Amino acid sequence: MNGKSFFVDLSLCTACRGCQVACKQWKNLPAEKTRNVGSHQNPQDLSFNTIRLVRFNEGRTADDKLQWYFFPEQCRHCIEPPCKYIGNMYCDNGIKQDAETGAVVMNSRTAGIGNKVESQELCPYNVPRMDEKSGQWAKCDMCLDRVQAGRLPACVQSCPTGTMNFGDRAQMLALAEKRLAEVQKTNPDAYLADPESVRVIYLCTASPESYNGNLLASVDARKMINKALAKGGVNRRDLLAGRLRPGKNA
């Protein structure tokens, strides 16, 4: 399988939020009004104007020591993107997948989706967010404009610790496996999150719950996606097999 992928080494993340700021700057996204809720995380969730967010979670290690778990969240750019299959039942080609990189990109036509579905119905990781005014949806697009110009995504370019990595998929998978073997020398429970299914591969050193409830694609989320497909009168197997064209059969 060709295309591009990210490798995100959570064992190196210091939550500097450089990636979050770089994303805002490159995309020219406005700041959001927030308030202090007792957490260093800011803002508290993804939104139409915050498509990358470093999540903070305070937990405990196995020996009951305080531990911060940092999770730079973004679209996973799924190999088989449910958002594309479901969203395009409501909008004509509002969600596309770049053939060369595998990037999953939302455009202004997603206004046709509006509030007909929820984020969990579009995405097993609950990532895309809708603009309440326009009904348009947004998420990370892999900085496709930068990548097509031979540059790194803004988040990767800004990362000072080596947490964020980007390149050809085979290269990133090899780097992920190499780093996993190194990290497992001191943390045998380390693992890679959904590497076969996504183009954003996280190396994790703690349970999924320690980072975020959406680190892995949940069974419940997949059930919601199948329900959303059924709502549109479309069978997921038919979509994946190419027997139906999203946006033309709802």
C-alpha atoms as a PDB file:
ATOM      1  CA  MET A   1       0.000   0.000   0.000  1.00  0.00           C
ATOM      2  CA  ASN A   2       1.475   3.312  -1.076  1.00  0.00           C
ATOM      3  CA  GLY A   3       0.739   6.894  -0.111  1.00  0.00           C
ATOM      4  CA  LYS A   4       1.853   8.885   2.907  1.00  0.00           C
ATOM      5  CA  SER A   5       1.525   8.380   6.658  1.00  0.00           C
ATOM      6  CA  PHE A   6       2.257  10.075   9.961  1.00  0.00           C
ATOM      7  CA  PHE A   7       4.078   8.344  12.791  1.00  0.00           C
ATOM      8  CA  VAL A   8       3.306   9.946  16.166  1.00  0.00           C
ATOM      9  CA  ASP A   9       5.598   8.787  18.980  1.00  0.00           C
ATOM     10  CA  LEU A  10       3.688   9.603  22.178  1.00  0.00           C
ATOM     11  CA  SER A  11       6.667   8.522  24.274  1.00  0.00           C
ATOM     12  CA  LEU A  12       8.430  11.715  23.124  1.00  0.00           C
ATOM     13  CA  CYS A  13       5.543  14.210  23.342  1.00  0.00           C
ATOM     14  CA  THR A  14       6.007  17.036  25.884  1.00  0.00           C
ATOM     15  CA  ALA A  15       2.704  18.790  25.058  1.00  0.00           C
ATOM     16  CA  CYS A  16       4.492  21.920  23.863  1.00  0.00           C
ATOM     17  CA  ARG A  17       1.495  22.409  21.545  1.00  0.00           C
ATOM     18  CA  GLY A  18       3.751  23.617  18.756  1.00  0.00           C
ATOM     19  CA  CYS A  19       1.837  21.373  16.341  1.00  0.00           C
ATOM     20  CA  GLN A  20      -1.487  22.817  17.470  1.00  0.00           C
ATOM     21  CA  VAL A  21      -0.313  26.398  16.982  1.00  0.00           C
ATOM     22  CA  ALA A  22       1.373  25.642  13.642  1.00  0.00           C
ATOM     23  CA  CYS A  23      -1.851  24.102  12.358  1.00  0.00           C
ATOM     24  CA  LYS A  24      -3.820  27.219  13.330  1.00  0.00           C
ATOM     25  CA  GLN A  25      -1.263  29.496  11.699  1.00  0.00           C
ATOM     26  CA  TRP A  26      -0.942  27.604   8.410  1.00  0.00           C
ATOM     27  CA  LYS A  27      -4.688  27.156   8.029  1.00  0.00           C
ATOM     28  CA  ASN A  28      -5.350  30.736   9.155  1.00  0.00           C
ATOM     29  CA  LEU A  29      -7.904  29.478  11.683  1.00  0.00           C
ATOM     30  CA  PRO A  30      -9.259  31.912  14.281  1.00  0.00           C
ATOM     31  CA  ALA A  31      -8.673  31.575  18.002  1.00  0.00           C
ATOM     32  CA  GLU A  32     -11.539  30.413  20.175  1.00  0.00           C
ATOM     33  CA  LYS A  33     -12.911  31.961  23.331  1.00  0.00           C
ATOM     34  CA  THR A  34     -12.220  29.550  26.180  1.00  0.00           C
ATOM     35  CA  ARG A  35     -12.267  29.439  29.947  1.00  0.00           C
ATOM     36  CA  ASN A  36     -10.234  27.794  32.678  1.00  0.00           C
ATOM     37  CA  VAL A  37     -11.801  24.479  33.642  1.00  0.00           C
ATOM     38  CA  GLY A  38      -8.910  23.233  35.764  1.00  0.00           C
ATOM     39  CA  SER A  39      -6.909  21.669  32.943  1.00  0.00           C
ATOM     40  CA  HIS A  40      -3.867  22.749  30.949  1.00  0.00           C
ATOM     41  CA  GLN A  41      -5.691  21.557  27.826  1.00  0.00           C
ATOM     42  CA  ASN A  42      -6.982  24.447  25.777  1.00  0.00           C
ATOM     43  CA  PRO A  43      -9.469  24.434  24.140  1.00  0.00           C
ATOM     44  CA  GLN A  44     -11.367  21.524  25.638  1.00  0.00           C
ATOM     45  CA  ASP A  45     -12.311  19.809  22.397  1.00  0.00           C
ATOM     46  CA  LEU A  46     -11.867  19.774  18.644  1.00  0.00           C
ATOM     47  CA  SER A  47     -14.031  22.163  16.658  1.00  0.00           C
ATOM     48  CA  PHE A  48     -14.563  23.496  13.153  1.00  0.00           C
ATOM     49  CA  ASN A  49     -11.770  26.009  13.865  1.00  0.00           C
ATOM     50  CA  THR A  50      -9.534  23.691  15.906  1.00  0.00           C
ATOM     51  CA  ILE A  51      -8.754  20.652  13.767  1.00  0.00           C
ATOM     52  CA  ARG A  52      -5.694  19.613  15.797  1.00  0.00           C
ATOM     53  CA  LEU A  53      -5.662  19.493  19.591  1.00  0.00           C
ATOM     54  CA  VAL A  54      -3.130  18.336  22.161  1.00  0.00           C
ATOM     55  CA  ARG A  55      -5.139  16.575  24.847  1.00  0.00           C
ATOM     56  CA  PHE A  56      -3.926  16.447  28.456  1.00  0.00           C
ATOM     57  CA  ASN A  57      -4.934  13.616  30.769  1.00  0.00           C
ATOM     58  CA  GLU A  58      -3.732  13.230  34.345  1.00  0.00           C
ATOM     59  CA  GLY A  59      -3.347   9.622  35.415  1.00  0.00           C
ATOM     60  CA  ARG A  60      -1.375   7.212  37.559  1.00  0.00           C
ATOM     61  CA  THR A  61       1.361   4.754  36.697  1.00  0.00           C
ATOM     62  CA  ALA A  62       1.327   1.100  37.783  1.00  0.00           C
ATOM     63  CA  ASP A  63       3.238   2.099  40.939  1.00  0.00           C
ATOM     64  CA  ASP A  64       0.688   4.880  41.641  1.00  0.00           C
ATOM     65  CA  LYS A  65       2.855   7.802  40.618  1.00  0.00           C
ATOM     66  CA  LEU A  66       1.291  10.863  39.002  1.00  0.00           C
ATOM     67  CA  GLN A  67       1.703  10.833  35.231  1.00  0.00           C
ATOM     68  CA  TRP A  68       0.641  13.189  32.451  1.00  0.00           C
ATOM     69  CA  TYR A  69      -0.463  11.555  29.216  1.00  0.00           C
ATOM     70  CA  PHE A  70      -0.350  13.800  26.148  1.00  0.00           C
ATOM     71  CA  PHE A  71      -2.254  13.063  22.961  1.00  0.00           C
ATOM     72  CA  PRO A  72      -1.961  15.268  19.831  1.00  0.00           C
ATOM     73  CA  GLU A  73      -5.241  14.421  18.155  1.00  0.00           C
ATOM     74  CA  GLN A  74      -6.052  14.774  14.468  1.00  0.00           C
ATOM     75  CA  CYS A  75      -7.879  13.028  11.648  1.00  0.00           C
ATOM     76  CA  ARG A  76      -6.451   9.519  11.182  1.00  0.00           C
ATOM     77  CA  HIS A  77      -6.842   9.548   7.374  1.00  0.00           C
ATOM     78  CA  CYS A  78      -8.316   6.052   7.380  1.00  0.00           C
ATOM     79  CA  ILE A  79      -7.333   3.635   4.638  1.00  0.00           C
ATOM     80  CA  GLU A  80     -11.075   3.066   4.100  1.00  0.00           C
ATOM     81  CA  PRO A  81     -12.579   6.362   5.339  1.00  0.00           C
ATOM     82  CA  PRO A  82     -16.122   5.914   6.721  1.00  0.00           C
ATOM     83  CA  CYS A  83     -16.634   9.691   6.623  1.00  0.00           C
ATOM     84  CA  LYS A  84     -16.270   9.610   2.850  1.00  0.00           C
ATOM     85  CA  TYR A  85     -18.705   6.742   2.356  1.00  0.00           C
ATOM     86  CA  ILE A  86     -21.325   8.197   4.703  1.00  0.00           C
ATOM     87  CA  GLY A  87     -20.852  11.920   4.119  1.00  0.00           C
ATOM     88  CA  ASN A  88     -21.070  11.643   0.353  1.00  0.00           C
ATOM     89  CA  MET A  89     -24.539  10.128   0.657  1.00  0.00           C
ATOM     90  CA  TYR A  90     -25.629  13.648   1.648  1.00  0.00           C
ATOM     91  CA  CYS A  91     -23.258  15.776  -0.427  1.00  0.00           C
ATOM     92  CA  ASP A  92     -21.831  15.249  -3.900  1.00  0.00           C
ATOM     93  CA  ASN A  93     -18.069  14.652  -3.550  1.00  0.00           C
ATOM     94  CA  GLY A  94     -17.831  16.777  -0.423  1.00  0.00           C
ATOM     95  CA  ILE A  95     -15.256  14.332   0.957  1.00  0.00           C
ATOM     96  CA  LYS A  96     -12.479  13.092  -1.283  1.00  0.00           C
ATOM     97  CA  GLN A  97      -9.449  10.854  -0.860  1.00  0.00           C
ATOM     98  CA  ASP A  98      -6.305  11.949  -2.670  1.00  0.00           C
ATOM     99  CA  ALA A  99      -5.113   9.074  -4.827  1.00  0.00           C
ATOM    100  CA  GLU A 100      -1.412   9.853  -4.445  1.00  0.00           C
ATOM    101  CA  THR A 101      -1.141  10.482  -0.697  1.00  0.00           C
ATOM    102  CA  GLY A 102      -4.273   8.871   0.730  1.00  0.00           C
ATOM    103  CA  ALA A 103      -5.248  12.156   2.406  1.00  0.00           C
ATOM    104  CA  VAL A 104      -8.943  12.415   3.225  1.00  0.00           C
ATOM    105  CA  VAL A 105     -10.127  15.956   2.483  1.00  0.00           C
ATOM    106  CA  MET A 106     -13.412  17.734   3.251  1.00  0.00           C
ATOM    107  CA  ASN A 107     -14.543  20.694   1.135  1.00  0.00           C
ATOM    108  CA  SER A 108     -17.333  23.284   1.234  1.00  0.00           C
ATOM    109  CA  ARG A 109     -19.821  20.824  -0.235  1.00  0.00           C
ATOM    110  CA  THR A 110     -19.989  19.122   3.162  1.00  0.00           C
ATOM    111  CA  ALA A 111     -22.518  21.814   4.041  1.00  0.00           C
ATOM    112  CA  GLY A 112     -24.925  19.359   2.433  1.00  0.00           C
ATOM    113  CA  ILE A 113     -24.310  16.978   5.336  1.00  0.00           C
ATOM    114  CA  GLY A 114     -25.174  19.602   7.945  1.00  0.00           C
ATOM    115  CA  ASN A 115     -26.608  18.071  11.103  1.00  0.00           C
ATOM    116  CA  LYS A 116     -28.087  15.034   9.343  1.00  0.00           C
ATOM    117  CA  VAL A 117     -25.462  12.889  11.078  1.00  0.00           C
ATOM    118  CA  GLU A 118     -23.300  13.199  14.174  1.00  0.00           C
ATOM    119  CA  SER A 119     -19.508  13.119  14.251  1.00  0.00           C
ATOM    120  CA  GLN A 120     -19.550   9.612  15.749  1.00  0.00           C
ATOM    121  CA  GLU A 121     -21.650   8.439  12.810  1.00  0.00           C
ATOM    122  CA  LEU A 122     -19.124   9.799  10.324  1.00  0.00           C
ATOM    123  CA  CYS A 123     -15.961   8.740  12.110  1.00  0.00           C
ATOM    124  CA  PRO A 124     -15.014   5.904  14.523  1.00  0.00           C
ATOM    125  CA  TYR A 125     -12.540   8.330  16.136  1.00  0.00           C
ATOM    126  CA  ASN A 126     -15.086  11.163  16.522  1.00  0.00           C
ATOM    127  CA  VAL A 127     -12.846  13.728  14.796  1.00  0.00           C
ATOM    128  CA  PRO A 128     -14.761  15.840  12.212  1.00  0.00           C
ATOM    129  CA  ARG A 129     -16.636  18.884  13.494  1.00  0.00           C
ATOM    130  CA  MET A 130     -19.459  20.952  11.989  1.00  0.00           C
ATOM    131  CA  ASP A 131     -19.749  24.733  11.776  1.00  0.00           C
ATOM    132  CA  GLU A 132     -23.073  25.589  13.394  1.00  0.00           C
ATOM    133  CA  LYS A 133     -23.661  28.542  11.052  1.00  0.00           C
ATOM    134  CA  SER A 134     -22.877  27.030   7.662  1.00  0.00           C
ATOM    135  CA  GLY A 135     -23.378  23.317   8.326  1.00  0.00           C
ATOM    136  CA  GLN A 136     -19.967  22.683   6.743  1.00  0.00           C
ATOM    137  CA  TRP A 137     -17.658  20.047   8.245  1.00  0.00           C
ATOM    138  CA  ALA A 138     -13.883  20.235   8.780  1.00  0.00           C
ATOM    139  CA  LYS A 139     -10.892  18.231   9.956  1.00  0.00           C
ATOM    140  CA  CYS A 140      -7.174  17.841   9.227  1.00  0.00           C
ATOM    141  CA  ASP A 141      -6.429  17.486   5.497  1.00  0.00           C
ATOM    142  CA  MET A 142      -2.809  16.300   5.911  1.00  0.00           C
ATOM    143  CA  CYS A 143      -1.672  19.785   4.822  1.00  0.00           C
ATOM    144  CA  LEU A 144      -2.137  18.445   1.325  1.00  0.00           C
ATOM    145  CA  ASP A 145      -1.117  21.758  -0.251  1.00  0.00           C
ATOM    146  CA  ARG A 146       2.230  21.618   1.553  1.00  0.00           C
ATOM    147  CA  VAL A 147       2.782  17.924   0.833  1.00  0.00           C
ATOM    148  CA  GLN A 148       2.075  18.368  -2.878  1.00  0.00           C
ATOM    149  CA  ALA A 149       4.679  21.139  -2.877  1.00  0.00           C
ATOM    150  CA  GLY A 150       7.261  18.783  -1.363  1.00  0.00           C
ATOM    151  CA  ARG A 151       6.995  20.180   2.173  1.00  0.00           C
ATOM    152  CA  LEU A 152       6.173  18.562   5.491  1.00  0.00           C
ATOM    153  CA  PRO A 153       2.788  19.112   7.156  1.00  0.00           C
ATOM    154  CA  ALA A 154       2.904  22.173   9.420  1.00  0.00           C
ATOM    155  CA  CYS A 155       2.512  20.083  12.595  1.00  0.00           C
ATOM    156  CA  VAL A 156       5.488  17.888  11.685  1.00  0.00           C
ATOM    157  CA  GLN A 157       7.630  20.860  10.661  1.00  0.00           C
ATOM    158  CA  SER A 158       7.060  22.512  14.042  1.00  0.00           C
ATOM    159  CA  CYS A 159       7.652  19.477  16.313  1.00  0.00           C
ATOM    160  CA  PRO A 160      10.879  19.902  18.357  1.00  0.00           C
ATOM    161  CA  THR A 161      11.013  16.438  19.975  1.00  0.00           C
ATOM    162  CA  GLY A 162      10.589  13.968  17.114  1.00  0.00           C
ATOM    163  CA  THR A 163       7.060  13.076  18.174  1.00  0.00           C
ATOM    164  CA  MET A 164       5.622  13.995  14.775  1.00  0.00           C
ATOM    165  CA  ASN A 165       7.013  12.220  11.701  1.00  0.00           C
ATOM    166  CA  PHE A 166       5.755  12.063   8.113  1.00  0.00           C
ATOM    167  CA  GLY A 167       6.734  10.312   4.904  1.00  0.00           C
ATOM    168  CA  ASP A 168       6.033   7.386   2.610  1.00  0.00           C
ATOM    169  CA  ARG A 169       3.815   4.857   4.350  1.00  0.00           C
ATOM    170  CA  ALA A 170       6.303   1.993   4.188  1.00  0.00           C
ATOM    171  CA  GLN A 171       8.986   4.240   5.664  1.00  0.00           C
ATOM    172  CA  MET A 172       6.719   5.355   8.531  1.00  0.00           C
ATOM    173  CA  LEU A 173       5.626   1.802   9.327  1.00  0.00           C
ATOM    174  CA  ALA A 174       9.258   0.720   9.464  1.00  0.00           C
ATOM    175  CA  LEU A 175      10.123   3.655  11.747  1.00  0.00           C
ATOM    176  CA  ALA A 176       7.140   2.833  13.962  1.00  0.00           C
ATOM    177  CA  GLU A 177       8.203  -0.795  14.340  1.00  0.00           C
ATOM    178  CA  LYS A 178      11.785   0.211  15.067  1.00  0.00           C
ATOM    179  CA  ARG A 179      10.760   2.731  17.736  1.00  0.00           C
ATOM    180  CA  LEU A 180       8.283   0.263  19.232  1.00  0.00           C
ATOM    181  CA  ALA A 181      11.044  -2.300  19.714  1.00  0.00           C
ATOM    182  CA  GLU A 182      13.213   0.330  21.421  1.00  0.00           C
ATOM    183  CA  VAL A 183      10.439   1.580  23.704  1.00  0.00           C
ATOM    184  CA  GLN A 184       9.392  -1.947  24.656  1.00  0.00           C
ATOM    185  CA  LYS A 185      12.821  -2.512  26.210  1.00  0.00           C
ATOM    186  CA  THR A 186      11.729  -0.284  29.096  1.00  0.00           C
ATOM    187  CA  ASN A 187       7.959  -0.439  28.580  1.00  0.00           C
ATOM    188  CA  PRO A 188       6.953  -3.905  27.373  1.00  0.00           C
ATOM    189  CA  ASP A 189       3.283  -2.910  27.171  1.00  0.00           C
ATOM    190  CA  ALA A 190       3.887  -0.273  24.484  1.00  0.00           C
ATOM    191  CA  TYR A 191       1.898  -0.748  21.266  1.00  0.00           C
ATOM    192  CA  LEU A 192       0.912   0.822  17.956  1.00  0.00           C
ATOM    193  CA  ALA A 193      -2.699   2.017  17.599  1.00  0.00           C
ATOM    194  CA  ASP A 194      -4.646   0.642  14.600  1.00  0.00           C
ATOM    195  CA  PRO A 195      -1.604   0.694  12.233  1.00  0.00           C
ATOM    196  CA  GLU A 196      -3.298  -1.423   9.544  1.00  0.00           C
ATOM    197  CA  SER A 197      -6.354   0.831   9.299  1.00  0.00           C
ATOM    198  CA  VAL A 198      -5.056   4.404   9.433  1.00  0.00           C
ATOM    199  CA  ARG A 199      -2.373   6.726   8.096  1.00  0.00           C
ATOM    200  CA  VAL A 200      -1.736   8.342  11.493  1.00  0.00           C
ATOM    201  CA  ILE A 201       0.059   5.707  13.545  1.00  0.00           C
ATOM    202  CA  TYR A 202       0.426   6.373  17.267  1.00  0.00           C
ATOM    203  CA  LEU A 203       3.035   4.692  19.452  1.00  0.00           C
ATOM    204  CA  CYS A 204       1.440   4.427  22.915  1.00  0.00           C
ATOM    205  CA  THR A 205       2.994   3.566  26.271  1.00  0.00           C
ATOM    206  CA  ALA A 206      -0.234   3.307  28.292  1.00  0.00           C
ATOM    207  CA  SER A 207      -3.781   2.030  27.909  1.00  0.00           C
ATOM    208  CA  PRO A 208      -6.046   3.814  25.402  1.00  0.00           C
ATOM    209  CA  GLU A 209      -8.114   5.228  28.270  1.00  0.00           C
ATOM    210  CA  SER A 210      -5.019   6.963  29.641  1.00  0.00           C
ATOM    211  CA  TYR A 211      -4.870   9.176  26.559  1.00  0.00           C
ATOM    212  CA  ASN A 212      -8.339   9.631  25.164  1.00  0.00           C
ATOM    213  CA  GLY A 213     -11.522   7.646  24.690  1.00  0.00           C
ATOM    214  CA  ASN A 214     -11.101   7.878  20.927  1.00  0.00           C
ATOM    215  CA  LEU A 215      -7.518   6.681  20.629  1.00  0.00           C
ATOM    216  CA  LEU A 216      -8.735   3.423  19.096  1.00  0.00           C
ATOM    217  CA  ALA A 217     -11.741   2.905  16.863  1.00  0.00           C
ATOM    218  CA  SER A 218     -14.409   1.612  19.233  1.00  0.00           C
ATOM    219  CA  VAL A 219     -16.872  -1.159  18.517  1.00  0.00           C
ATOM    220  CA  ASP A 220     -19.718   1.177  19.483  1.00  0.00           C
ATOM    221  CA  ALA A 221     -18.517   3.781  16.984  1.00  0.00           C
ATOM    222  CA  ARG A 222     -18.417   1.225  14.193  1.00  0.00           C
ATOM    223  CA  LYS A 223     -21.966   0.198  15.082  1.00  0.00           C
ATOM    224  CA  MET A 224     -23.041   3.851  14.787  1.00  0.00           C
ATOM    225  CA  ILE A 225     -21.370   4.071  11.377  1.00  0.00           C
ATOM    226  CA  ASN A 226     -23.169   0.974  10.136  1.00  0.00           C
ATOM    227  CA  LYS A 227     -26.411   2.448  11.473  1.00  0.00           C
ATOM    228  CA  ALA A 228     -25.744   5.687   9.577  1.00  0.00           C
ATOM    229  CA  LEU A 229     -25.150   3.747   6.377  1.00  0.00           C
ATOM    230  CA  ALA A 230     -28.381   1.840   6.913  1.00  0.00           C
ATOM    231  CA  LYS A 231     -30.169   5.166   7.453  1.00  0.00           C
ATOM    232  CA  GLY A 232     -29.093   6.162   3.956  1.00  0.00           C
ATOM    233  CA  GLY A 233     -30.207   2.828   2.515  1.00  0.00           C
ATOM    234  CA  VAL A 234     -26.653   1.742   1.712  1.00  0.00           C
ATOM    235  CA  ASN A 235     -24.846  -1.465   2.608  1.00  0.00           C
ATOM    236  CA  ARG A 236     -21.214  -0.908   3.703  1.00  0.00           C
ATOM    237  CA  ARG A 237     -19.968  -3.995   1.853  1.00  0.00           C
ATOM    238  CA  ASP A 238     -21.493  -2.717  -1.383  1.00  0.00           C
ATOM    239  CA  LEU A 239     -19.790   0.648  -0.906  1.00  0.00           C
ATOM    240  CA  LEU A 240     -16.387  -0.890  -0.255  1.00  0.00           C
ATOM    241  CA  ALA A 241     -16.792  -3.249  -3.199  1.00  0.00           C
ATOM    242  CA  GLY A 242     -17.532  -0.296  -5.465  1.00  0.00           C
ATOM    243  CA  ARG A 243     -21.012  -1.502  -6.361  1.00  0.00           C
ATOM    244  CA  LEU A 244     -22.565   1.791  -5.229  1.00  0.00           C
ATOM    245  CA  ARG A 245     -21.465   5.388  -5.671  1.00  0.00           C
ATOM    246  CA  PRO A 246     -21.749   7.497  -2.519  1.00  0.00           C
ATOM    247  CA  GLY A 247     -23.927  10.523  -3.034  1.00  0.00           C
ATOM    248  CA  LYS A 248     -25.917   8.881  -5.811  1.00  0.00           C
ATOM    249  CA  ASN A 249     -27.824   6.127  -4.005  1.00  0.00           C
ATOM    250  CA  ALA A 250     -29.297   7.762  -0.897  1.00  0.00           C
END
